[in-house]
Amino acid sequence: MTHPDDVAIIKRQEHDLVFPGFDETKAYALGARLHRMATERRLGIICDIRLWDRQLFYFAMPGTTADNPEWARRKHNVVRRFQKSSYRIVRERNSEDRNFPEHLALPQADYALAGGGFPIRVAGVGVIGSVTVSGLPQREDHLLVVEAIALELGRDPAQYVLPPF
């Protein structure tokens, strides 16, 4: 089970972690940071940074499989649909059931109710894409993305940590 304050903390992450602008250069810097973090920590993850119309950055570390890019694609679709982090959707749903409610008509083949997708929000513009990590437990995927974005924005990542289980 997770901490009851998760949703409030995730909302603050999304509110605070806003880019003044975002382009291919910023995507590369963020992706390179995530790659360094994965290399130093020996994490078997993939990272996918996308705008709504195209992929800007991708890497896969040793230990990943063909399933990881599919999970990332499905998490990206969740961020795009809801304009929120995929883990926030998981925590708001607060259910062990990993399916979206039927009334949303979101096919499991295209939408993953799993953490690791985080919105790329630009000040004065809104959400323009996502940063997605796959390969760790969903809470860890989410926190890794949050840490990397916070560091890219010159923020202290400790301000955005979720409490341990």
C-alpha atoms as a PDB file:
ATOM      1  CA  MET A   1       0.000   0.000   0.000  1.00  0.00           C
ATOM      2  CA  THR A   2       1.152   3.557  -0.524  1.00  0.00           C
ATOM      3  CA  HIS A   3       1.042   6.681   1.562  1.00  0.00           C
ATOM      4  CA  PRO A   4      -2.271   8.609   1.673  1.00  0.00           C
ATOM      5  CA  ASP A   5      -0.520  11.881   0.746  1.00  0.00           C
ATOM      6  CA  ASP A   6       0.767  10.532  -2.574  1.00  0.00           C
ATOM      7  CA  VAL A   7      -1.809  12.318  -4.735  1.00  0.00           C
ATOM      8  CA  ALA A   8      -1.197  15.696  -3.067  1.00  0.00           C
ATOM      9  CA  ILE A   9       2.568  15.303  -3.480  1.00  0.00           C
ATOM     10  CA  ILE A  10       2.224  14.228  -7.120  1.00  0.00           C
ATOM     11  CA  LYS A  11      -0.022  17.230  -7.826  1.00  0.00           C
ATOM     12  CA  ARG A  12       2.703  19.466  -6.343  1.00  0.00           C
ATOM     13  CA  GLN A  13       5.330  17.731  -8.507  1.00  0.00           C
ATOM     14  CA  GLU A  14       3.242  18.405 -11.608  1.00  0.00           C
ATOM     15  CA  HIS A  15       2.542  21.999 -10.565  1.00  0.00           C
ATOM     16  CA  ASP A  16       6.154  22.853  -9.744  1.00  0.00           C
ATOM     17  CA  LEU A  17       8.113  20.909 -12.365  1.00  0.00           C
ATOM     18  CA  VAL A  18       7.339  23.161 -15.314  1.00  0.00           C
ATOM     19  CA  PHE A  19       9.811  23.983 -18.054  1.00  0.00           C
ATOM     20  CA  PRO A  20      10.204  27.601 -19.203  1.00  0.00           C
ATOM     21  CA  GLY A  21      10.515  26.134 -22.710  1.00  0.00           C
ATOM     22  CA  PHE A  22      11.131  22.682 -24.153  1.00  0.00           C
ATOM     23  CA  ASP A  23      12.765  21.631 -27.406  1.00  0.00           C
ATOM     24  CA  GLU A  24      15.018  18.939 -28.841  1.00  0.00           C
ATOM     25  CA  THR A  25      18.057  20.279 -26.958  1.00  0.00           C
ATOM     26  CA  LYS A  26      16.247  20.168 -23.615  1.00  0.00           C
ATOM     27  CA  ALA A  27      14.946  16.685 -24.412  1.00  0.00           C
ATOM     28  CA  TYR A  28      18.497  15.523 -25.105  1.00  0.00           C
ATOM     29  CA  ALA A  29      19.804  17.048 -21.856  1.00  0.00           C
ATOM     30  CA  LEU A  30      17.024  15.440 -19.808  1.00  0.00           C
ATOM     31  CA  GLY A  31      17.445  12.101 -21.571  1.00  0.00           C
ATOM     32  CA  ALA A  32      21.218  12.185 -21.107  1.00  0.00           C
ATOM     33  CA  ARG A  33      20.715  12.902 -17.401  1.00  0.00           C
ATOM     34  CA  LEU A  34      18.371   9.932 -17.078  1.00  0.00           C
ATOM     35  CA  HIS A  35      20.896   7.780 -18.963  1.00  0.00           C
ATOM     36  CA  ARG A  36      23.689   8.808 -16.559  1.00  0.00           C
ATOM     37  CA  MET A  37      21.441   8.067 -13.575  1.00  0.00           C
ATOM     38  CA  ALA A  38      20.540   4.645 -15.002  1.00  0.00           C
ATOM     39  CA  THR A  39      24.180   3.850 -15.769  1.00  0.00           C
ATOM     40  CA  GLU A  40      25.461   4.921 -12.331  1.00  0.00           C
ATOM     41  CA  ARG A  41      22.671   3.047 -10.530  1.00  0.00           C
ATOM     42  CA  ARG A  42      22.730   0.060 -12.895  1.00  0.00           C
ATOM     43  CA  LEU A  43      19.032   0.335 -13.647  1.00  0.00           C
ATOM     44  CA  GLY A  44      17.482  -1.818 -16.343  1.00  0.00           C
ATOM     45  CA  ILE A  45      15.164   0.816 -17.791  1.00  0.00           C
ATOM     46  CA  ILE A  46      14.129   2.398 -21.028  1.00  0.00           C
ATOM     47  CA  CYS A  47      13.475   6.117 -21.337  1.00  0.00           C
ATOM     48  CA  ASP A  48      11.199   7.654 -23.942  1.00  0.00           C
ATOM     49  CA  ILE A  49      10.801  11.433 -24.280  1.00  0.00           C
ATOM     50  CA  ARG A  50       8.051  12.513 -26.685  1.00  0.00           C
ATOM     51  CA  LEU A  51       6.076  15.485 -27.792  1.00  0.00           C
ATOM     52  CA  TRP A  52       2.561  14.692 -28.956  1.00  0.00           C
ATOM     53  CA  ASP A  53       3.700  14.459 -32.565  1.00  0.00           C
ATOM     54  CA  ARG A  54       7.100  12.739 -32.333  1.00  0.00           C
ATOM     55  CA  GLN A  55       9.742  10.998 -30.280  1.00  0.00           C
ATOM     56  CA  LEU A  56      12.689  13.208 -29.274  1.00  0.00           C
ATOM     57  CA  PHE A  57      14.864  10.872 -27.204  1.00  0.00           C
ATOM     58  CA  TYR A  58      15.057   7.155 -26.419  1.00  0.00           C
ATOM     59  CA  PHE A  59      17.449   4.753 -24.749  1.00  0.00           C
ATOM     60  CA  ALA A  60      17.349   1.181 -23.482  1.00  0.00           C
ATOM     61  CA  MET A  61      19.659  -0.187 -20.827  1.00  0.00           C
ATOM     62  CA  PRO A  62      20.848  -3.772 -20.470  1.00  0.00           C
ATOM     63  CA  GLY A  63      18.195  -5.924 -18.825  1.00  0.00           C
ATOM     64  CA  THR A  64      15.259  -4.399 -20.646  1.00  0.00           C
ATOM     65  CA  THR A  65      12.986  -6.342 -22.976  1.00  0.00           C
ATOM     66  CA  ALA A  66      10.698  -5.712 -25.934  1.00  0.00           C
ATOM     67  CA  ASP A  67       7.877  -5.225 -23.409  1.00  0.00           C
ATOM     68  CA  ASN A  68       9.380  -2.047 -21.930  1.00  0.00           C
ATOM     69  CA  PRO A  69       8.867   0.202 -24.975  1.00  0.00           C
ATOM     70  CA  GLU A  70       5.267  -1.016 -25.158  1.00  0.00           C
ATOM     71  CA  TRP A  71       4.703  -0.116 -21.507  1.00  0.00           C
ATOM     72  CA  ALA A  72       6.245   3.308 -22.185  1.00  0.00           C
ATOM     73  CA  ARG A  73       3.997   3.875 -25.205  1.00  0.00           C
ATOM     74  CA  ARG A  74       0.915   2.963 -23.187  1.00  0.00           C
ATOM     75  CA  LYS A  75       1.968   5.200 -20.251  1.00  0.00           C
ATOM     76  CA  HIS A  76       2.590   8.073 -22.687  1.00  0.00           C
ATOM     77  CA  ASN A  77      -0.962   7.620 -23.990  1.00  0.00           C
ATOM     78  CA  VAL A  78      -2.276   7.978 -20.426  1.00  0.00           C
ATOM     79  CA  VAL A  79      -0.351  11.223 -19.902  1.00  0.00           C
ATOM     80  CA  ARG A  80      -1.633  12.527 -23.217  1.00  0.00           C
ATOM     81  CA  ARG A  81      -5.246  11.613 -22.477  1.00  0.00           C
ATOM     82  CA  PHE A  82      -5.384  12.933 -18.896  1.00  0.00           C
ATOM     83  CA  GLN A  83      -2.619  15.597 -18.905  1.00  0.00           C
ATOM     84  CA  LYS A  84      -1.400  14.116 -15.603  1.00  0.00           C
ATOM     85  CA  SER A  85       1.338  11.710 -14.601  1.00  0.00           C
ATOM     86  CA  SER A  86       0.382   8.090 -15.094  1.00  0.00           C
ATOM     87  CA  TYR A  87       1.231   7.351 -11.452  1.00  0.00           C
ATOM     88  CA  ARG A  88      -1.155  10.065 -10.292  1.00  0.00           C
ATOM     89  CA  ILE A  89      -3.914   8.291 -12.210  1.00  0.00           C
ATOM     90  CA  VAL A  90      -2.940   5.035 -10.491  1.00  0.00           C
ATOM     91  CA  ARG A  91      -3.016   6.643  -7.046  1.00  0.00           C
ATOM     92  CA  GLU A  92      -6.276   8.529  -7.688  1.00  0.00           C
ATOM     93  CA  ARG A  93      -7.858   5.256  -8.759  1.00  0.00           C
ATOM     94  CA  ASN A  94      -6.465   3.601  -5.588  1.00  0.00           C
ATOM     95  CA  SER A  95      -7.344   0.081  -6.651  1.00  0.00           C
ATOM     96  CA  GLU A  96      -5.427  -3.128  -7.154  1.00  0.00           C
ATOM     97  CA  ASP A  97      -7.329  -3.496 -10.451  1.00  0.00           C
ATOM     98  CA  ARG A  98      -4.917  -2.476 -13.238  1.00  0.00           C
ATOM     99  CA  ASN A  99      -7.701  -1.706 -15.727  1.00  0.00           C
ATOM    100  CA  PHE A 100      -9.405   1.572 -16.516  1.00  0.00           C
ATOM    101  CA  PRO A 101     -13.146   1.711 -15.809  1.00  0.00           C
ATOM    102  CA  GLU A 102     -15.235   0.490 -18.752  1.00  0.00           C
ATOM    103  CA  HIS A 103     -16.981   3.837 -19.211  1.00  0.00           C
ATOM    104  CA  LEU A 104     -13.658   5.423 -20.302  1.00  0.00           C
ATOM    105  CA  ALA A 105     -13.402   2.969 -23.217  1.00  0.00           C
ATOM    106  CA  LEU A 106      -9.582   2.869 -22.999  1.00  0.00           C
ATOM    107  CA  PRO A 107      -8.241  -0.394 -24.461  1.00  0.00           C
ATOM    108  CA  GLN A 108      -5.573  -2.074 -22.370  1.00  0.00           C
ATOM    109  CA  ALA A 109      -3.526  -2.561 -25.530  1.00  0.00           C
ATOM    110  CA  ASP A 110      -3.074   1.230 -25.759  1.00  0.00           C
ATOM    111  CA  TYR A 111      -3.346   2.536 -22.167  1.00  0.00           C
ATOM    112  CA  ALA A 112      -1.396   1.292 -19.137  1.00  0.00           C
ATOM    113  CA  LEU A 113      -2.617   2.036 -15.654  1.00  0.00           C
ATOM    114  CA  ALA A 114       0.972   2.150 -14.384  1.00  0.00           C
ATOM    115  CA  GLY A 115       3.354   4.795 -13.112  1.00  0.00           C
ATOM    116  CA  GLY A 116       6.360   6.108 -14.996  1.00  0.00           C
ATOM    117  CA  GLY A 117       4.901   8.631 -17.445  1.00  0.00           C
ATOM    118  CA  PHE A 118       5.240  12.282 -16.448  1.00  0.00           C
ATOM    119  CA  PRO A 119       3.917  15.324 -18.320  1.00  0.00           C
ATOM    120  CA  ILE A 120       6.257  17.792 -19.982  1.00  0.00           C
ATOM    121  CA  ARG A 121       4.566  21.026 -18.996  1.00  0.00           C
ATOM    122  CA  VAL A 122       5.721  24.361 -20.434  1.00  0.00           C
ATOM    123  CA  ALA A 123       4.932  27.629 -18.649  1.00  0.00           C
ATOM    124  CA  GLY A 124       2.201  29.552 -20.427  1.00  0.00           C
ATOM    125  CA  VAL A 125       1.560  26.682 -22.840  1.00  0.00           C
ATOM    126  CA  GLY A 126       0.537  23.538 -20.934  1.00  0.00           C
ATOM    127  CA  VAL A 127       1.360  19.887 -21.379  1.00  0.00           C
ATOM    128  CA  ILE A 128       3.144  19.221 -24.672  1.00  0.00           C
ATOM    129  CA  GLY A 129       4.471  15.681 -24.219  1.00  0.00           C
ATOM    130  CA  SER A 130       5.799  13.179 -21.723  1.00  0.00           C
ATOM    131  CA  VAL A 131       8.911  11.698 -20.197  1.00  0.00           C
ATOM    132  CA  THR A 132       8.414   7.989 -19.608  1.00  0.00           C
ATOM    133  CA  VAL A 133      10.520   5.372 -17.862  1.00  0.00           C
ATOM    134  CA  SER A 134       9.797   1.654 -17.798  1.00  0.00           C
ATOM    135  CA  GLY A 135      11.655  -1.198 -16.146  1.00  0.00           C
ATOM    136  CA  LEU A 136      11.378  -0.585 -12.413  1.00  0.00           C
ATOM    137  CA  PRO A 137       8.384  -0.941 -10.111  1.00  0.00           C
ATOM    138  CA  GLN A 138       5.954   1.830 -11.088  1.00  0.00           C
ATOM    139  CA  ARG A 139       6.590   4.013  -8.031  1.00  0.00           C
ATOM    140  CA  GLU A 140      10.337   3.913  -8.712  1.00  0.00           C
ATOM    141  CA  ASP A 141       9.812   4.650 -12.428  1.00  0.00           C
ATOM    142  CA  HIS A 142       7.812   7.739 -11.415  1.00  0.00           C
ATOM    143  CA  LEU A 143      10.313   8.941  -8.816  1.00  0.00           C
ATOM    144  CA  LEU A 144      13.260   8.554 -11.190  1.00  0.00           C
ATOM    145  CA  VAL A 145      11.572  10.787 -13.775  1.00  0.00           C
ATOM    146  CA  VAL A 146      10.635  13.349 -11.112  1.00  0.00           C
ATOM    147  CA  GLU A 147      14.204  13.410  -9.774  1.00  0.00           C
ATOM    148  CA  ALA A 148      15.681  13.941 -13.238  1.00  0.00           C
ATOM    149  CA  ILE A 149      13.242  16.723 -14.144  1.00  0.00           C
ATOM    150  CA  ALA A 150      13.804  18.457 -10.795  1.00  0.00           C
ATOM    151  CA  LEU A 151      17.571  18.373 -11.341  1.00  0.00           C
ATOM    152  CA  GLU A 152      17.202  19.683 -14.913  1.00  0.00           C
ATOM    153  CA  LEU A 153      15.135  22.579 -13.585  1.00  0.00           C
ATOM    154  CA  GLY A 154      17.636  23.347 -10.806  1.00  0.00           C
ATOM    155  CA  ARG A 155      15.278  22.175  -8.068  1.00  0.00           C
ATOM    156  CA  ASP A 156      16.050  20.031  -5.051  1.00  0.00           C
ATOM    157  CA  PRO A 157      14.610  16.584  -5.820  1.00  0.00           C
ATOM    158  CA  ALA A 158      14.224  15.925  -2.078  1.00  0.00           C
ATOM    159  CA  GLN A 159      11.257  18.344  -2.132  1.00  0.00           C
ATOM    160  CA  TYR A 160       9.360  15.927  -4.380  1.00  0.00           C
ATOM    161  CA  VAL A 161      10.028  12.509  -2.876  1.00  0.00           C
ATOM    162  CA  LEU A 162       7.085  10.292  -2.086  1.00  0.00           C
ATOM    163  CA  PRO A 163       7.125   8.696   1.377  1.00  0.00           C
ATOM    164  CA  PRO A 164       8.285   5.058   1.459  1.00  0.00           C
ATOM    165  CA  PHE A 165       5.706   2.279   1.574  1.00  0.00           C
END
